[in-house]
Structures are given as C-alpha cells and as structure tokens.
Amino acid sequence: MVEYFLDNTDGASVDEIAEMFGLPVDAVILAFETEARLQRAMQLRALPRDRSAARKRGGDHPPT
C-alpha cells in the first residue's frame, strides 16, 4: 500500500495523499509508520547473528 502511495504521488505531503485517496490523514500516517517498522524488522533479521550468544542460550533453534 505504501509503495503505491509513493509510486503515484510524486512527493506529495501526507495531507495531499490523504485527499487524493479519500483517506483520513491518520490512516496514511499509520500506513507509513507500519511500513517503516516492517522495513526495520527486515533489516534487523538480515544482520549477522552473534553466534557466541546463541551457544550460551543453547543454540539458535527452539528445542524439538
């Protein structure tokens, strides 16, 4: 959803995007915040793990 806004709004403000799509400003802000959190989580998952800390906990995987 956020990519659609960015691809089709050419640098419009949050207020302008809300007006263009007939959405409340809060919904647009929430969409951008959610996208930013998802992107951050994906970046964190891509970082190399500290294997020594995982060994101290008993491994990377939950017990089966």
C-alpha atoms as a PDB file:
ATOM      1  CA  MET A   1       0.000   0.000   0.000  1.00  0.00           C
ATOM      2  CA  VAL A   2       2.740   2.474   0.921  1.00  0.00           C
ATOM      3  CA  GLU A   3       4.677   1.662  -2.254  1.00  0.00           C
ATOM      4  CA  TYR A   4       1.550   2.510  -4.253  1.00  0.00           C
ATOM      5  CA  PHE A   5       1.324   5.883  -2.493  1.00  0.00           C
ATOM      6  CA  LEU A   6       4.973   6.635  -3.141  1.00  0.00           C
ATOM      7  CA  ASP A   7       4.881   5.486  -6.756  1.00  0.00           C
ATOM      8  CA  ASN A   8       1.777   7.506  -7.581  1.00  0.00           C
ATOM      9  CA  THR A   9       2.034  10.710  -5.574  1.00  0.00           C
ATOM     10  CA  ASP A  10       5.292  12.285  -6.765  1.00  0.00           C
ATOM     11  CA  GLY A  11       6.451  13.606  -3.388  1.00  0.00           C
ATOM     12  CA  ALA A  12       3.047  14.759  -2.122  1.00  0.00           C
ATOM     13  CA  SER A  13       2.563  15.553   1.551  1.00  0.00           C
ATOM     14  CA  VAL A  14       0.625  13.279   3.896  1.00  0.00           C
ATOM     15  CA  ASP A  15      -2.342  15.667   3.711  1.00  0.00           C
ATOM     16  CA  GLU A  16      -2.242  15.637  -0.089  1.00  0.00           C
ATOM     17  CA  ILE A  17      -2.022  11.821  -0.216  1.00  0.00           C
ATOM     18  CA  ALA A  18      -4.983  11.514   2.165  1.00  0.00           C
ATOM     19  CA  GLU A  19      -7.020  13.864  -0.003  1.00  0.00           C
ATOM     20  CA  MET A  20      -6.028  12.116  -3.259  1.00  0.00           C
ATOM     21  CA  PHE A  21      -7.164   8.717  -1.993  1.00  0.00           C
ATOM     22  CA  GLY A  22     -10.057   9.842   0.191  1.00  0.00           C
ATOM     23  CA  LEU A  23      -8.410   8.566   3.357  1.00  0.00           C
ATOM     24  CA  PRO A  24      -8.105  10.043   6.834  1.00  0.00           C
ATOM     25  CA  VAL A  25      -4.683  11.544   7.472  1.00  0.00           C
ATOM     26  CA  ASP A  26      -4.267   9.177  10.434  1.00  0.00           C
ATOM     27  CA  ALA A  27      -4.658   6.162   8.124  1.00  0.00           C
ATOM     28  CA  VAL A  28      -1.918   7.439   5.812  1.00  0.00           C
ATOM     29  CA  ILE A  29       0.413   8.125   8.736  1.00  0.00           C
ATOM     30  CA  LEU A  30      -0.287   4.673  10.204  1.00  0.00           C
ATOM     31  CA  ALA A  31       0.458   3.049   6.833  1.00  0.00           C
ATOM     32  CA  PHE A  32       3.820   4.825   6.594  1.00  0.00           C
ATOM     33  CA  GLU A  33       4.728   4.002  10.207  1.00  0.00           C
ATOM     34  CA  THR A  34       3.824   0.357   9.720  1.00  0.00           C
ATOM     35  CA  GLU A  35       5.883   0.150   6.543  1.00  0.00           C
ATOM     36  CA  ALA A  36       8.864   1.743   8.294  1.00  0.00           C
ATOM     37  CA  ARG A  37       8.622  -0.784  11.158  1.00  0.00           C
ATOM     38  CA  LEU A  38       8.393  -3.691   8.724  1.00  0.00           C
ATOM     39  CA  GLN A  39      11.424  -2.449   6.793  1.00  0.00           C
ATOM     40  CA  ARG A  40      13.384  -2.053  10.048  1.00  0.00           C
ATOM     41  CA  ALA A  41      12.440  -5.560  11.186  1.00  0.00           C
ATOM     42  CA  MET A  42      13.547  -6.993   7.860  1.00  0.00           C
ATOM     43  CA  GLN A  43      16.885  -5.167   8.142  1.00  0.00           C
ATOM     44  CA  LEU A  44      17.443  -6.498  11.653  1.00  0.00           C
ATOM     45  CA  ARG A  45      16.721 -10.069  10.562  1.00  0.00           C
ATOM     46  CA  ALA A  46      19.287  -9.711   7.792  1.00  0.00           C
ATOM     47  CA  LEU A  47      22.088  -8.734  10.191  1.00  0.00           C
ATOM     48  CA  PRO A  48      24.566 -11.474  11.120  1.00  0.00           C
ATOM     49  CA  ARG A  49      23.856 -13.015  14.493  1.00  0.00           C
ATOM     50  CA  ASP A  50      26.288 -13.201  17.356  1.00  0.00           C
ATOM     51  CA  ARG A  51      26.809 -16.977  17.397  1.00  0.00           C
ATOM     52  CA  SER A  52      28.538 -16.969  20.792  1.00  0.00           C
ATOM     53  CA  ALA A  53      25.414 -15.578  22.475  1.00  0.00           C
ATOM     54  CA  ALA A  54      23.280 -18.231  20.740  1.00  0.00           C
ATOM     55  CA  ARG A  55      25.568 -21.002  22.012  1.00  0.00           C
ATOM     56  CA  LYS A  56      25.270 -19.689  25.579  1.00  0.00           C
ATOM     57  CA  ARG A  57      21.482 -19.881  25.273  1.00  0.00           C
ATOM     58  CA  GLY A  58      21.667 -23.410  23.938  1.00  0.00           C
ATOM     59  CA  GLY A  59      21.502 -22.795  20.190  1.00  0.00           C
ATOM     60  CA  ASP A  60      19.607 -20.796  17.602  1.00  0.00           C
ATOM     61  CA  HIS A  61      16.582 -23.066  17.392  1.00  0.00           C
ATOM     62  CA  PRO A  62      13.905 -23.868  19.928  1.00  0.00           C
ATOM     63  CA  PRO A  63      14.054 -27.363  21.391  1.00  0.00           C
ATOM     64  CA  THR A  64      12.112 -30.014  19.484  1.00  0.00           C
END
